[in-house]
C-alpha atoms as a PDB file:
ATOM      1  CA  UNK A   1       7.439 -20.131   2.752  1.00  0.00           C
ATOM      2  CA  UNK A   2       8.480 -22.682   0.577  1.00  0.00           C
ATOM      3  CA  UNK A   3      11.367 -23.820   3.123  1.00  0.00           C
ATOM      4  CA  UNK A   4       8.728 -23.907   5.573  1.00  0.00           C
ATOM      5  CA  UNK A   5       6.163 -25.805   3.704  1.00  0.00           C
ATOM      6  CA  UNK A   6       9.017 -28.443   2.432  1.00  0.00           C
ATOM      7  CA  UNK A   7      10.255 -28.783   6.019  1.00  0.00           C
ATOM      8  CA  UNK A   8       6.965 -29.499   7.625  1.00  0.00           C
ATOM      9  CA  UNK A   9       5.828 -31.957   4.826  1.00  0.00           C
ATOM     10  CA  UNK A  10       9.059 -34.081   5.373  1.00  0.00           C
ATOM     11  CA  UNK A  11       8.437 -33.836   8.879  1.00  0.00           C
ATOM     12  CA  UNK A  12       4.660 -35.388   7.971  1.00  0.00           C
ATOM     13  CA  UNK A  13       6.121 -37.964   5.420  1.00  0.00           C
ATOM     14  CA  UNK A  14       4.657 -36.674   2.658  1.00  0.00           C
ATOM     15  CA  UNK A  15       7.140 -34.925   0.958  1.00  0.00           C
ATOM     16  CA  UNK A  16       7.564 -37.608  -1.773  1.00  0.00           C
ATOM     17  CA  UNK A  17       3.768 -36.783  -2.952  1.00  0.00           C
ATOM     18  CA  UNK A  18       4.324 -32.984  -2.905  1.00  0.00           C
ATOM     19  CA  UNK A  19       5.607 -30.426  -5.594  1.00  0.00           C
ATOM     20  CA  UNK A  20       6.192 -27.042  -4.436  1.00  0.00           C
ATOM     21  CA  UNK A  21       6.179 -24.270  -7.192  1.00  0.00           C
ATOM     22  CA  UNK A  22       7.122 -20.681  -7.086  1.00  0.00           C
ATOM     23  CA  UNK A  23       6.734 -18.275 -10.264  1.00  0.00           C
ATOM     24  CA  UNK A  24       5.624 -14.947 -11.291  1.00  0.00           C
ATOM     25  CA  UNK A  25       2.056 -15.477 -12.392  1.00  0.00           C
ATOM     26  CA  UNK A  26       2.308 -12.252 -14.624  1.00  0.00           C
ATOM     27  CA  UNK A  27       5.322 -14.197 -16.501  1.00  0.00           C
ATOM     28  CA  UNK A  28       4.762 -17.788 -17.065  1.00  0.00           C
ATOM     29  CA  UNK A  29       1.051 -18.917 -17.922  1.00  0.00           C
ATOM     30  CA  UNK A  30       0.138 -21.851 -15.611  1.00  0.00           C
ATOM     31  CA  UNK A  31      -0.945 -25.239 -16.731  1.00  0.00           C
ATOM     32  CA  UNK A  32      -4.986 -25.725 -16.481  1.00  0.00           C
ATOM     33  CA  UNK A  33      -6.026 -28.346 -13.904  1.00  0.00           C
ATOM     34  CA  UNK A  34      -2.488 -28.720 -12.267  1.00  0.00           C
ATOM     35  CA  UNK A  35      -2.611 -28.355  -9.029  1.00  0.00           C
ATOM     36  CA  UNK A  36      -4.796 -30.072  -6.316  1.00  0.00           C
ATOM     37  CA  UNK A  37      -4.268 -26.730  -3.765  1.00  0.00           C
ATOM     38  CA  UNK A  38      -3.046 -23.206  -4.447  1.00  0.00           C
ATOM     39  CA  UNK A  39      -1.622 -21.308  -1.723  1.00  0.00           C
ATOM     40  CA  UNK A  40      -1.323 -16.961  -2.566  1.00  0.00           C
ATOM     41  CA  UNK A  41      -0.402 -15.244   0.598  1.00  0.00           C
ATOM     42  CA  UNK A  42      -0.619 -11.339   0.294  1.00  0.00           C
ATOM     43  CA  UNK A  43      -0.281 -11.618  -3.953  1.00  0.00           C
ATOM     44  CA  UNK A  44      -3.439 -10.784  -5.377  1.00  0.00           C
ATOM     45  CA  UNK A  45      -3.098  -6.805  -4.542  1.00  0.00           C
ATOM     46  CA  UNK A  46      -0.074  -6.887  -6.525  1.00  0.00           C
ATOM     47  CA  UNK A  47      -1.264  -8.418  -9.676  1.00  0.00           C
ATOM     48  CA  UNK A  48      -3.536  -7.019 -12.641  1.00  0.00           C
ATOM     49  CA  UNK A  49      -7.449  -8.432 -11.641  1.00  0.00           C
ATOM     50  CA  UNK A  50      -7.406 -10.539 -14.822  1.00  0.00           C
ATOM     51  CA  UNK A  51      -4.769 -12.871 -13.468  1.00  0.00           C
ATOM     52  CA  UNK A  52      -7.530 -14.228 -10.857  1.00  0.00           C
ATOM     53  CA  UNK A  53      -9.276 -16.413 -13.630  1.00  0.00           C
ATOM     54  CA  UNK A  54      -6.251 -18.149 -15.294  1.00  0.00           C
ATOM     55  CA  UNK A  55      -4.746 -18.564 -11.451  1.00  0.00           C
ATOM     56  CA  UNK A  56      -8.089 -20.700 -10.193  1.00  0.00           C
ATOM     57  CA  UNK A  57      -7.806 -22.587 -13.583  1.00  0.00           C
ATOM     58  CA  UNK A  58      -4.806 -24.333 -12.251  1.00  0.00           C
ATOM     59  CA  UNK A  59      -6.458 -26.198  -9.912  1.00  0.00           C
ATOM     60  CA  UNK A  60      -7.979 -29.463 -10.638  1.00  0.00           C
ATOM     61  CA  UNK A  61     -11.527 -30.028 -10.079  1.00  0.00           C
ATOM     62  CA  UNK A  62     -12.348 -29.909  -6.800  1.00  0.00           C
ATOM     63  CA  UNK A  63      -9.035 -28.616  -5.805  1.00  0.00           C
ATOM     64  CA  UNK A  64      -8.495 -26.010  -2.795  1.00  0.00           C
ATOM     65  CA  UNK A  65      -7.613 -22.166  -3.298  1.00  0.00           C
ATOM     66  CA  UNK A  66      -6.214 -20.436  -0.141  1.00  0.00           C
ATOM     67  CA  UNK A  67      -6.166 -16.765  -0.847  1.00  0.00           C
ATOM     68  CA  UNK A  68      -4.955 -14.723   2.027  1.00  0.00           C
ATOM     69  CA  UNK A  69      -4.849 -10.971   1.489  1.00  0.00           C
ATOM     70  CA  UNK A  70      -4.414  -7.853   3.495  1.00  0.00           C
ATOM     71  CA  UNK A  71      -8.077  -6.179   3.612  1.00  0.00           C
ATOM     72  CA  UNK A  72      -9.767  -4.047   5.628  1.00  0.00           C
ATOM     73  CA  UNK A  73     -13.336  -2.455   4.944  1.00  0.00           C
ATOM     74  CA  UNK A  74     -13.952  -0.373   7.950  1.00  0.00           C
ATOM     75  CA  UNK A  75     -13.097   3.010   7.862  1.00  0.00           C
ATOM     76  CA  UNK A  76     -12.600   2.576  11.943  1.00  0.00           C
ATOM     77  CA  UNK A  77     -10.152  -0.818  11.766  1.00  0.00           C
ATOM     78  CA  UNK A  78      -8.383   1.130   8.827  1.00  0.00           C
ATOM     79  CA  UNK A  79      -7.918   3.672  11.052  1.00  0.00           C
ATOM     80  CA  UNK A  80      -6.418   1.474  13.939  1.00  0.00           C
ATOM     81  CA  UNK A  81      -4.362   0.161  11.596  1.00  0.00           C
ATOM     82  CA  UNK A  82      -2.712   3.456  10.243  1.00  0.00           C
ATOM     83  CA  UNK A  83      -1.483   3.705  14.203  1.00  0.00           C
ATOM     84  CA  UNK A  84       0.317   0.620  13.976  1.00  0.00           C
ATOM     85  CA  UNK A  85       3.989   1.734  13.437  1.00  0.00           C
ATOM     86  CA  UNK A  86       4.680  -0.657  10.324  1.00  0.00           C
ATOM     87  CA  UNK A  87       4.970   0.074   6.559  1.00  0.00           C
ATOM     88  CA  UNK A  88       1.745  -0.193   4.381  1.00  0.00           C
ATOM     89  CA  UNK A  89       2.631   0.005   1.084  1.00  0.00           C
ATOM     90  CA  UNK A  90       5.896  -2.101   0.165  1.00  0.00           C
ATOM     91  CA  UNK A  91       5.948  -2.145  -3.120  1.00  0.00           C
ATOM     92  CA  UNK A  92       4.814   0.461  -6.154  1.00  0.00           C
ATOM     93  CA  UNK A  93       1.866  -1.595  -7.567  1.00  0.00           C
ATOM     94  CA  UNK A  94       0.534  -2.473  -4.240  1.00  0.00           C
ATOM     95  CA  UNK A  95      -3.085  -1.491  -4.134  1.00  0.00           C
ATOM     96  CA  UNK A  96      -6.023  -1.998  -1.571  1.00  0.00           C
ATOM     97  CA  UNK A  97      -8.731  -4.505  -2.546  1.00  0.00           C
ATOM     98  CA  UNK A  98     -12.011  -2.963  -2.379  1.00  0.00           C
ATOM     99  CA  UNK A  99     -15.002  -5.364  -1.598  1.00  0.00           C
ATOM    100  CA  UNK A 100     -16.166  -5.118  -5.230  1.00  0.00           C
ATOM    101  CA  UNK A 101     -13.174  -7.228  -5.921  1.00  0.00           C
ATOM    102  CA  UNK A 102     -13.320  -9.584  -2.958  1.00  0.00           C
ATOM    103  CA  UNK A 103     -16.824 -10.577  -3.626  1.00  0.00           C
ATOM    104  CA  UNK A 104     -15.918 -10.935  -7.611  1.00  0.00           C
ATOM    105  CA  UNK A 105     -13.115 -13.425  -6.658  1.00  0.00           C
ATOM    106  CA  UNK A 106     -15.233 -15.433  -4.231  1.00  0.00           C
ATOM    107  CA  UNK A 107     -18.243 -15.806  -7.054  1.00  0.00           C
ATOM    108  CA  UNK A 108     -15.466 -17.477  -9.148  1.00  0.00           C
ATOM    109  CA  UNK A 109     -14.965 -20.155  -6.408  1.00  0.00           C
ATOM    110  CA  UNK A 110     -17.316 -23.157  -5.412  1.00  0.00           C
ATOM    111  CA  UNK A 111     -17.283 -22.607  -1.817  1.00  0.00           C
ATOM    112  CA  UNK A 112     -15.627 -19.446  -0.197  1.00  0.00           C
ATOM    113  CA  UNK A 113     -15.043 -18.092   2.953  1.00  0.00           C
ATOM    114  CA  UNK A 114     -13.806 -13.937   3.089  1.00  0.00           C
ATOM    115  CA  UNK A 115     -12.421 -12.808   6.668  1.00  0.00           C
ATOM    116  CA  UNK A 116     -12.533  -9.023   5.975  1.00  0.00           C
ATOM    117  CA  UNK A 117     -10.037  -8.049   8.507  1.00  0.00           C
ATOM    118  CA  UNK A 118      -7.770  -9.672  11.138  1.00  0.00           C
ATOM    119  CA  UNK A 119      -7.191  -6.646  13.765  1.00  0.00           C
ATOM    120  CA  UNK A 120      -3.761  -8.363  15.125  1.00  0.00           C
ATOM    121  CA  UNK A 121      -2.623  -9.697  11.799  1.00  0.00           C
ATOM    122  CA  UNK A 122       0.120  -6.739  11.269  1.00  0.00           C
ATOM    123  CA  UNK A 123       1.001  -6.858  14.684  1.00  0.00           C
ATOM    124  CA  UNK A 124       2.628 -10.682  13.919  1.00  0.00           C
ATOM    125  CA  UNK A 125       5.437  -8.735  12.327  1.00  0.00           C
ATOM    126  CA  UNK A 126       6.455  -7.822  15.384  1.00  0.00           C
ATOM    127  CA  UNK A 127       7.174 -11.134  16.865  1.00  0.00           C
ATOM    128  CA  UNK A 128       9.964 -12.743  14.714  1.00  0.00           C
ATOM    129  CA  UNK A 129       9.523 -16.151  15.796  1.00  0.00           C
ATOM    130  CA  UNK A 130       5.699 -16.795  15.658  1.00  0.00           C
ATOM    131  CA  UNK A 131       5.731 -18.801  12.468  1.00  0.00           C
ATOM    132  CA  UNK A 132       8.404 -21.394  13.022  1.00  0.00           C
ATOM    133  CA  UNK A 133       7.359 -24.631  12.863  1.00  0.00           C
ATOM    134  CA  UNK A 134       7.040 -27.036  15.389  1.00  0.00           C
ATOM    135  CA  UNK A 135       9.465 -30.182  14.450  1.00  0.00           C
ATOM    136  CA  UNK A 136       6.926 -32.802  15.604  1.00  0.00           C
ATOM    137  CA  UNK A 137       5.017 -34.633  13.244  1.00  0.00           C
ATOM    138  CA  UNK A 138       1.457 -33.298  12.427  1.00  0.00           C
ATOM    139  CA  UNK A 139       0.000 -36.431  14.144  1.00  0.00           C
ATOM    140  CA  UNK A 140       1.616 -35.691  17.468  1.00  0.00           C
ATOM    141  CA  UNK A 141       0.068 -32.196  17.626  1.00  0.00           C
ATOM    142  CA  UNK A 142      -3.306 -33.236  17.216  1.00  0.00           C
ATOM    143  CA  UNK A 143      -5.627 -33.308  20.476  1.00  0.00           C
ATOM    144  CA  UNK A 144      -6.048 -36.554  21.704  1.00  0.00           C
END
């Protein structure tokens, strides 16, 4: 993911203004007010819920947190997910986030948007090229 983001930053001409970091938040404390943007993709359901506050505290005032987590509150949709022939539990510390935990995280943010389920999200794994980046600069991709 970092290599893809670094390439995108290079193509958009902003690589010199961006610092990417990858780390284990359970092992290394994050600096307070350090980041403009925080991206956690499928991380929160693997860590102790107590890690959320220090994680968000690493944002500068007015910073942006993007937390993408696999959640499904509907039993019907969970049943449909069970039909997809992909492994659901890929690590021993994994847990399903409950609505209470998601609501708690949302309350820690100034402004939040929660999308509780993406029906076709797991199907994206069946298409290996779906996350390849377009080599054109971002500005050339905008609708004219």
